[in-house]
PDB file of N, CA and C in Angstrom:
ATOM      1  N   ASP A   1      54.019 107.841 173.056  1.00  0.00           N
ATOM      2  CA  ASP A   1      53.973 106.572 172.355  1.00  0.00           C
ATOM      3  C   ASP A   1      52.559 106.276 171.871  1.00  0.00           C
ATOM      4  N   ARG A   2      52.445 105.994 170.565  1.00  0.00           N
ATOM      5  CA  ARG A   2      51.154 105.609 169.979  1.00  0.00           C
ATOM      6  C   ARG A   2      50.919 104.123 170.184  1.00  0.00           C
ATOM      7  N   VAL A   3      49.671 103.779 170.361  1.00  0.00           N
ATOM      8  CA  VAL A   3      49.292 102.373 170.462  1.00  0.00           C
ATOM      9  C   VAL A   3      49.062 101.798 169.065  1.00  0.00           C
ATOM     10  N   ILE A   4      48.616 102.626 168.136  1.00  0.00           N
ATOM     11  CA  ILE A   4      48.353 102.178 166.770  1.00  0.00           C
ATOM     12  C   ILE A   4      49.063 103.090 165.774  1.00  0.00           C
ATOM     13  N   ASP A   5      49.329 102.548 164.598  1.00  0.00           N
ATOM     14  CA  ASP A   5      49.966 103.324 163.535  1.00  0.00           C
ATOM     15  C   ASP A   5      49.024 103.616 162.381  1.00  0.00           C
ATOM     16  N   ALA A   6      47.970 102.789 162.263  1.00  0.00           N
ATOM     17  CA  ALA A   6      47.046 102.943 161.146  1.00  0.00           C
ATOM     18  C   ALA A   6      45.627 102.631 161.589  1.00  0.00           C
ATOM     19  N   VAL A   7      44.678 103.282 160.908  1.00  0.00           N
ATOM     20  CA  VAL A   7      43.257 103.089 161.189  1.00  0.00           C
ATOM     21  C   VAL A   7      42.578 102.687 159.884  1.00  0.00           C
ATOM     22  N   LEU A   8      41.789 101.629 159.938  1.00  0.00           N
ATOM     23  CA  LEU A   8      40.969 101.230 158.801  1.00  0.00           C
ATOM     24  C   LEU A   8      39.544 101.667 159.103  1.00  0.00           C
ATOM     25  N   LEU A   9      39.084 102.681 158.421  1.00  0.00           N
ATOM     26  CA  LEU A   9      37.757 103.245 158.632  1.00  0.00           C
ATOM     27  C   LEU A   9      36.818 102.675 157.583  1.00  0.00           C
ATOM     28  N   VAL A  10      35.856 101.888 158.018  1.00  0.00           N
ATOM     29  CA  VAL A  10      34.897 101.282 157.091  1.00  0.00           C
ATOM     30  C   VAL A  10      33.637 102.135 157.115  1.00  0.00           C
ATOM     31  N   SER A  11      33.713 103.243 156.418  1.00  0.00           N
ATOM     32  CA  SER A  11      32.614 104.205 156.363  1.00  0.00           C
ATOM     33  C   SER A  11      32.947 105.238 155.307  1.00  0.00           C
ATOM     34  N   GLY A  12      31.941 105.931 154.865  1.00  0.00           N
ATOM     35  CA  GLY A  12      32.152 107.014 153.920  1.00  0.00           C
ATOM     36  C   GLY A  12      31.479 108.292 154.378  1.00  0.00           C
ATOM     37  N   ASP A  13      31.070 108.323 155.646  1.00  0.00           N
ATOM     38  CA  ASP A  13      30.309 109.450 156.175  1.00  0.00           C
ATOM     39  C   ASP A  13      31.175 110.677 156.421  1.00  0.00           C
ATOM     40  N   ARG A  14      30.689 111.791 155.956  1.00  0.00           N
ATOM     41  CA  ARG A  14      31.414 113.051 156.103  1.00  0.00           C
ATOM     42  C   ARG A  14      31.587 113.450 157.568  1.00  0.00           C
ATOM     43  N   ASP A  15      30.677 113.028 158.433  1.00  0.00           N
ATOM     44  CA  ASP A  15      30.765 113.433 159.841  1.00  0.00           C
ATOM     45  C   ASP A  15      31.974 112.806 160.558  1.00  0.00           C
ATOM     46  N   LEU A  16      32.716 111.955 159.881  1.00  0.00           N
ATOM     47  CA  LEU A  16      33.915 111.353 160.472  1.00  0.00           C
ATOM     48  C   LEU A  16      35.196 112.103 160.095  1.00  0.00           C
ATOM     49  N   GLU A  17      35.054 113.215 159.381  1.00  0.00           N
ATOM     50  CA  GLU A  17      36.223 114.010 158.978  1.00  0.00           C
ATOM     51  C   GLU A  17      37.078 114.408 160.176  1.00  0.00           C
ATOM     52  N   GLU A  18      36.455 114.880 161.223  1.00  0.00           N
ATOM     53  CA  GLU A  18      37.213 115.344 162.395  1.00  0.00           C
ATOM     54  C   GLU A  18      37.992 114.192 163.033  1.00  0.00           C
ATOM     55  N   ALA A  19      37.389 113.017 163.103  1.00  0.00           N
ATOM     56  CA  ALA A  19      38.091 111.858 163.655  1.00  0.00           C
ATOM     57  C   ALA A  19      39.318 111.514 162.806  1.00  0.00           C
ATOM     58  N   VAL A  20      39.192 111.632 161.493  1.00  0.00           N
ATOM     59  CA  VAL A  20      40.327 111.377 160.607  1.00  0.00           C
ATOM     60  C   VAL A  20      41.422 112.398 160.867  1.00  0.00           C
ATOM     61  N   ARG A  21      41.050 113.658 160.990  1.00  0.00           N
ATOM     62  CA  ARG A  21      42.040 114.710 161.266  1.00  0.00           C
ATOM     63  C   ARG A  21      42.763 114.469 162.593  1.00  0.00           C
ATOM     64  N   VAL A  22      42.010 114.077 163.601  1.00  0.00           N
ATOM     65  CA  VAL A  22      42.611 113.820 164.918  1.00  0.00           C
ATOM     66  C   VAL A  22      43.593 112.650 164.828  1.00  0.00           C
ATOM     67  N   ALA A  23      43.185 111.564 164.193  1.00  0.00           N
ATOM     68  CA  ALA A  23      44.067 110.395 164.052  1.00  0.00           C
ATOM     69  C   ALA A  23      45.338 110.767 163.287  1.00  0.00           C
ATOM     70  N   GLN A  24      45.178 111.496 162.194  1.00  0.00           N
ATOM     71  CA  GLN A  24      46.338 111.907 161.420  1.00  0.00           C
ATOM     72  C   GLN A  24      47.210 112.887 162.195  1.00  0.00           C
ATOM     73  N   GLY A  25      46.573 113.692 163.038  1.00  0.00           N
ATOM     74  CA  GLY A  25      47.300 114.665 163.844  1.00  0.00           C
ATOM     75  C   GLY A  25      48.256 114.039 164.849  1.00  0.00           C
ATOM     76  N   VAL A  26      47.973 112.794 165.230  1.00  0.00           N
ATOM     77  CA  VAL A  26      48.869 112.093 166.154  1.00  0.00           C
ATOM     78  C   VAL A  26      49.750 111.085 165.413  1.00  0.00           C
ATOM     79  N   GLY A  27      49.760 111.189 164.073  1.00  0.00           N
ATOM     80  CA  GLY A  27      50.674 110.386 163.285  1.00  0.00           C
ATOM     81  C   GLY A  27      50.140 109.095 162.702  1.00  0.00           C
ATOM     82  N   CYS A  28      48.851 108.845 162.835  1.00  0.00           N
ATOM     83  CA  CYS A  28      48.270 107.619 162.272  1.00  0.00           C
ATOM     84  C   CYS A  28      47.934 107.803 160.802  1.00  0.00           C
ATOM     85  N   LYS A  29      48.114 106.755 160.033  1.00  0.00           N
ATOM     86  CA  LYS A  29      47.649 106.721 158.652  1.00  0.00           C
ATOM     87  C   LYS A  29      46.201 106.264 158.679  1.00  0.00           C
ATOM     88  N   VAL A  30      45.354 106.872 157.855  1.00  0.00           N
ATOM     89  CA  VAL A  30      43.938 106.512 157.814  1.00  0.00           C
ATOM     90  C   VAL A  30      43.580 106.007 156.416  1.00  0.00           C
ATOM     91  N   VAL A  31      43.054 104.782 156.386  1.00  0.00           N
ATOM     92  CA  VAL A  31      42.594 104.179 155.142  1.00  0.00           C
ATOM     93  C   VAL A  31      41.073 104.065 155.227  1.00  0.00           C
ATOM     94  N   VAL A  32      40.382 104.632 154.251  1.00  0.00           N
ATOM     95  CA  VAL A  32      38.926 104.542 154.189  1.00  0.00           C
ATOM     96  C   VAL A  32      38.567 103.364 153.292  1.00  0.00           C
ATOM     97  N   ALA A  33      37.830 102.406 153.852  1.00  0.00           N
ATOM     98  CA  ALA A  33      37.394 101.231 153.105  1.00  0.00           C
ATOM     99  C   ALA A  33      35.882 101.307 152.930  1.00  0.00           C
ATOM    100  N   HIS A  34      35.414 100.946 151.739  1.00  0.00           N
ATOM    101  CA  HIS A  34      33.980 101.053 151.468  1.00  0.00           C
ATOM    102  C   HIS A  34      33.576 100.037 150.412  1.00  0.00           C
ATOM    103  N   PRO A  35      32.309  99.600 150.463  1.00  0.00           N
ATOM    104  CA  PRO A  35      31.810  98.719 149.402  1.00  0.00           C
ATOM    105  C   PRO A  35      31.827  99.455 148.069  1.00  0.00           C
ATOM    106  N   ARG A  36      31.992  98.715 147.000  1.00  0.00           N
ATOM    107  CA  ARG A  36      32.034  99.328 145.661  1.00  0.00           C
ATOM    108  C   ARG A  36      30.790 100.158 145.364  1.00  0.00           C
ATOM    109  N   SER A  37      29.655  99.726 145.867  1.00  0.00           N
ATOM    110  CA  SER A  37      28.396 100.402 145.564  1.00  0.00           C
ATOM    111  C   SER A  37      28.120 101.598 146.476  1.00  0.00           C
ATOM    112  N   ALA A  38      28.929 101.780 147.508  1.00  0.00           N
ATOM    113  CA  ALA A  38      28.676 102.860 148.472  1.00  0.00           C
ATOM    114  C   ALA A  38      29.419 104.132 148.073  1.00  0.00           C
ATOM    115  N   SER A  39      28.799 105.245 148.382  1.00  0.00           N
ATOM    116  CA  SER A  39      29.471 106.509 148.114  1.00  0.00           C
ATOM    117  C   SER A  39      30.330 106.894 149.315  1.00  0.00           C
ATOM    118  N   VAL A  40      31.364 107.660 149.044  1.00  0.00           N
ATOM    119  CA  VAL A  40      32.249 108.174 150.092  1.00  0.00           C
ATOM    120  C   VAL A  40      32.277 109.683 149.923  1.00  0.00           C
ATOM    121  N   ALA A  41      32.059 110.387 151.019  1.00  0.00           N
ATOM    122  CA  ALA A  41      32.072 111.852 150.958  1.00  0.00           C
ATOM    123  C   ALA A  41      33.396 112.327 150.360  1.00  0.00           C
ATOM    124  N   LEU A  42      33.315 113.293 149.454  1.00  0.00           N
ATOM    125  CA  LEU A  42      34.510 113.801 148.778  1.00  0.00           C
ATOM    126  C   LEU A  42      35.547 114.289 149.789  1.00  0.00           C
ATOM    127  N   ALA A  43      35.113 115.033 150.795  1.00  0.00           N
ATOM    128  CA  ALA A  43      36.055 115.558 151.793  1.00  0.00           C
ATOM    129  C   ALA A  43      36.760 114.429 152.532  1.00  0.00           C
ATOM    130  N   LEU A  44      36.041 113.360 152.846  1.00  0.00           N
ATOM    131  CA  LEU A  44      36.640 112.222 153.547  1.00  0.00           C
ATOM    132  C   LEU A  44      37.636 111.514 152.625  1.00  0.00           C
ATOM    133  N   ARG A  45      37.278 111.369 151.373  1.00  0.00           N
ATOM    134  CA  ARG A  45      38.175 110.737 150.382  1.00  0.00           C
ATOM    135  C   ARG A  45      39.467 111.549 150.245  1.00  0.00           C
ATOM    136  N   GLN A  46      39.339 112.875 150.244  1.00  0.00           N
ATOM    137  CA  GLN A  46      40.511 113.735 150.100  1.00  0.00           C
ATOM    138  C   GLN A  46      41.396 113.717 151.348  1.00  0.00           C
ATOM    139  N   LEU A  47      40.797 113.584 152.520  1.00  0.00           N
ATOM    140  CA  LEU A  47      41.561 113.547 153.769  1.00  0.00           C
ATOM    141  C   LEU A  47      42.314 112.242 153.975  1.00  0.00           C
ATOM    142  N   ALA A  48      41.722 111.149 153.562  1.00  0.00           N
ATOM    143  CA  ALA A  48      42.296 109.825 153.822  1.00  0.00           C
ATOM    144  C   ALA A  48      43.666 109.684 153.163  1.00  0.00           C
ATOM    145  N   ASP A  49      44.512 108.899 153.808  1.00  0.00           N
ATOM    146  CA  ASP A  49      45.814 108.595 153.224  1.00  0.00           C
ATOM    147  C   ASP A  49      45.665 107.626 152.058  1.00  0.00           C
ATOM    148  N   ALA A  50      44.595 106.833 152.084  1.00  0.00           N
ATOM    149  CA  ALA A  50      44.298 105.894 151.000  1.00  0.00           C
ATOM    150  C   ALA A  50      42.833 105.488 151.099  1.00  0.00           C
ATOM    151  N   THR A  51      42.289 105.013 149.983  1.00  0.00           N
ATOM    152  CA  THR A  51      40.944 104.436 149.987  1.00  0.00           C
ATOM    153  C   THR A  51      41.025 103.050 149.366  1.00  0.00           C
ATOM    154  N   VAL A  52      40.159 102.161 149.839  1.00  0.00           N
ATOM    155  CA  VAL A  52      40.118 100.786 149.354  1.00  0.00           C
ATOM    156  C   VAL A  52      38.667 100.406 149.125  1.00  0.00           C
ATOM    157  N   GLN A  53      38.388  99.855 147.950  1.00  0.00           N
ATOM    158  CA  GLN A  53      37.047  99.339 147.675  1.00  0.00           C
ATOM    159  C   GLN A  53      36.976  97.884 148.116  1.00  0.00           C
ATOM    160  N   LEU A  54      35.910  97.547 148.828  1.00  0.00           N
ATOM    161  CA  LEU A  54      35.706  96.183 149.309  1.00  0.00           C
ATOM    162  C   LEU A  54      34.550  95.551 148.555  1.00  0.00           C
ATOM    163  N   ASP A  55      34.652  94.259 148.298  1.00  0.00           N
ATOM    164  CA  ASP A  55      33.512  93.568 147.717  1.00  0.00           C
ATOM    165  C   ASP A  55      32.821  92.749 148.810  1.00  0.00           C
ATOM    166  N   ARG A  56      31.750  92.098 148.458  1.00  0.00           N
ATOM    167  CA  ARG A  56      30.944  91.349 149.437  1.00  0.00           C
ATOM    168  C   ARG A  56      31.757  90.262 150.140  1.00  0.00           C
ATOM    169  N   VAL A  57      32.651  89.602 149.429  1.00  0.00           N
ATOM    170  CA  VAL A  57      33.491  88.557 150.030  1.00  0.00           C
ATOM    171  C   VAL A  57      34.389  89.160 151.114  1.00  0.00           C
ATOM    172  N   ASP A  58      34.988  90.311 150.822  1.00  0.00           N
ATOM    173  CA  ASP A  58      35.835  90.996 151.809  1.00  0.00           C
ATOM    174  C   ASP A  58      35.034  91.348 153.063  1.00  0.00           C
ATOM    175  N   LEU A  59      33.857  91.941 152.851  1.00  0.00           N
ATOM    176  CA  LEU A  59      33.024  92.358 153.985  1.00  0.00           C
ATOM    177  C   LEU A  59      32.575  91.165 154.821  1.00  0.00           C
ATOM    178  N   THR A  60      32.208  90.078 154.163  1.00  0.00           N
ATOM    179  CA  THR A  60      31.797  88.872 154.884  1.00  0.00           C
ATOM    180  C   THR A  60      32.950  88.352 155.737  1.00  0.00           C
ATOM    181  N   ALA A  61      34.138  88.283 155.157  1.00  0.00           N
ATOM    182  CA  ALA A  61      35.300  87.794 155.899  1.00  0.00           C
ATOM    183  C   ALA A  61      35.603  88.683 157.098  1.00  0.00           C
ATOM    184  N   MET A  62      35.464  89.995 156.934  1.00  0.00           N
ATOM    185  CA  MET A  62      35.708  90.916 158.051  1.00  0.00           C
ATOM    186  C   MET A  62      34.707  90.694 159.172  1.00  0.00           C
ATOM    187  N   LEU A  63      33.441  90.525 158.824  1.00  0.00           N
ATOM    188  CA  LEU A  63      32.418  90.288 159.843  1.00  0.00           C
ATOM    189  C   LEU A  63      32.652  88.969 160.572  1.00  0.00           C
ATOM    190  N   VAL A  64      33.012  87.952 159.829  1.00  0.00           N
ATOM    191  CA  VAL A  64      33.240  86.637 160.430  1.00  0.00           C
ATOM    192  C   VAL A  64      34.408  86.699 161.406  1.00  0.00           C
ATOM    193  N   GLN A  65      35.497  87.326 161.008  1.00  0.00           N
ATOM    194  CA  GLN A  65      36.676  87.398 161.868  1.00  0.00           C
ATOM    195  C   GLN A  65      36.487  88.358 163.040  1.00  0.00           C
ATOM    196  N   ALA A  66      35.997  89.556 162.774  1.00  0.00           N
ATOM    197  CA  ALA A  66      35.917  90.581 163.818  1.00  0.00           C
ATOM    198  C   ALA A  66      34.802  90.331 164.812  1.00  0.00           C
ATOM    199  N   ALA A  67      33.655  89.904 164.326  1.00  0.00           N
ATOM    200  CA  ALA A  67      32.501  89.760 165.211  1.00  0.00           C
ATOM    201  C   ALA A  67      32.253  88.325 165.638  1.00  0.00           C
ATOM    202  N   GLY A  68      32.982  87.403 165.052  1.00  0.00           N
ATOM    203  CA  GLY A  68      32.808  86.003 165.426  1.00  0.00           C
ATOM    204  C   GLY A  68      31.474  85.418 165.009  1.00  0.00           C
ATOM    205  N   VAL A  69      30.877  85.977 163.958  1.00  0.00           N
ATOM    206  CA  VAL A  69      29.598  85.454 163.478  1.00  0.00           C
ATOM    207  C   VAL A  69      29.860  84.421 162.389  1.00  0.00           C
ATOM    208  N   SER A  70      28.867  83.618 162.106  1.00  0.00           N
ATOM    209  CA  SER A  70      29.015  82.629 161.037  1.00  0.00           C
ATOM    210  C   SER A  70      28.941  83.335 159.683  1.00  0.00           C
ATOM    211  N   THR A  71      29.451  82.682 158.671  1.00  0.00           N
ATOM    212  CA  THR A  71      29.386  83.230 157.319  1.00  0.00           C
ATOM    213  C   THR A  71      27.940  83.451 156.898  1.00  0.00           C
ATOM    214  N   ALA A  72      27.052  82.525 157.263  1.00  0.00           N
ATOM    215  CA  ALA A  72      25.634  82.663 156.908  1.00  0.00           C
ATOM    216  C   ALA A  72      25.036  83.911 157.542  1.00  0.00           C
ATOM    217  N   HIS A  73      25.329  84.143 158.831  1.00  0.00           N
ATOM    218  CA  HIS A  73      24.803  85.336 159.501  1.00  0.00           C
ATOM    219  C   HIS A  73      25.386  86.615 158.897  1.00  0.00           C
ATOM    220  N   ALA A  74      26.651  86.584 158.548  1.00  0.00           N
ATOM    221  CA  ALA A  74      27.274  87.754 157.934  1.00  0.00           C
ATOM    222  C   ALA A  74      26.613  88.066 156.593  1.00  0.00           C
ATOM    223  N   ASN A  75      26.329  87.035 155.803  1.00  0.00           N
ATOM    224  CA  ASN A  75      25.673  87.246 154.512  1.00  0.00           C
ATOM    225  C   ASN A  75      24.269  87.809 154.675  1.00  0.00           C
ATOM    226  N   VAL A  76      23.539  87.339 155.694  1.00  0.00           N
ATOM    227  CA  VAL A  76      22.196  87.856 155.975  1.00  0.00           C
ATOM    228  C   VAL A  76      22.280  89.341 156.368  1.00  0.00           C
ATOM    229  N   ALA A  77      23.254  89.682 157.211  1.00  0.00           N
ATOM    230  CA  ALA A  77      23.423  91.072 157.646  1.00  0.00           C
ATOM    231  C   ALA A  77      23.754  91.965 156.477  1.00  0.00           C
ATOM    232  N   LEU A  78      24.645  91.526 155.608  1.00  0.00           N
ATOM    233  CA  LEU A  78      25.006  92.327 154.441  1.00  0.00           C
ATOM    234  C   LEU A  78      23.845  92.470 153.465  1.00  0.00           C
ATOM    235  N   ALA A  79      23.068  91.409 153.289  1.00  0.00           N
ATOM    236  CA  ALA A  79      21.906  91.476 152.407  1.00  0.00           C
ATOM    237  C   ALA A  79      20.869  92.464 152.948  1.00  0.00           C
ATOM    238  N   ALA A  80      20.643  92.427 154.246  1.00  0.00           N
ATOM    239  CA  ALA A  80      19.688  93.349 154.867  1.00  0.00           C
ATOM    240  C   ALA A  80      20.176  94.782 154.726  1.00  0.00           C
ATOM    241  N   ARG A  81      21.476  94.990 154.890  1.00  0.00           N
ATOM    242  CA  ARG A  81      22.052  96.331 154.776  1.00  0.00           C
ATOM    243  C   ARG A  81      21.905  96.864 153.360  1.00  0.00           C
ATOM    244  N   SER A  82      22.154  96.015 152.381  1.00  0.00           N
ATOM    245  CA  SER A  82      22.112  96.472 150.984  1.00  0.00           C
ATOM    246  C   SER A  82      20.691  96.738 150.507  1.00  0.00           C
ATOM    247  N   THR A  83      19.699  96.105 151.133  1.00  0.00           N
ATOM    248  CA  THR A  83      18.317  96.336 150.730  1.00  0.00           C
ATOM    249  C   THR A  83      17.601  97.312 151.642  1.00  0.00           C
ATOM    250  N   GLY A  84      18.300  97.740 152.706  1.00  0.00           N
ATOM    251  CA  GLY A  84      17.707  98.700 153.639  1.00  0.00           C
ATOM    252  C   GLY A  84      16.704  98.090 154.581  1.00  0.00           C
ATOM    253  N   THR A  85      16.787  96.785 154.840  1.00  0.00           N
ATOM    254  CA  THR A  85      15.823  96.129 155.716  1.00  0.00           C
ATOM    255  C   THR A  85      16.404  95.738 157.063  1.00  0.00           C
ATOM    256  N   SER A  86      17.525  96.356 157.445  1.00  0.00           N
ATOM    257  CA  SER A  86      18.160  95.963 158.704  1.00  0.00           C
ATOM    258  C   SER A  86      17.413  96.447 159.914  1.00  0.00           C
TER     259      SER A  86
END
């Protein structure tokens, strides 16, 4: 019995290929989500069952819900990430 049926991977790093293969090997669907401006490794894009582009509003909402941070803190974190000052 699987605990999950799908994985939302918010990354484009090629080093996660094996994790995608393992998840798919046990029957999980893998969706790779990434900011519009971010690159996704070709191999990871080809392995994924689907890819989704996220915009800043989507990412902010995910941070607020998942991490319990305020919208202001989420925006600061995303700004630092996009400028490389994190």
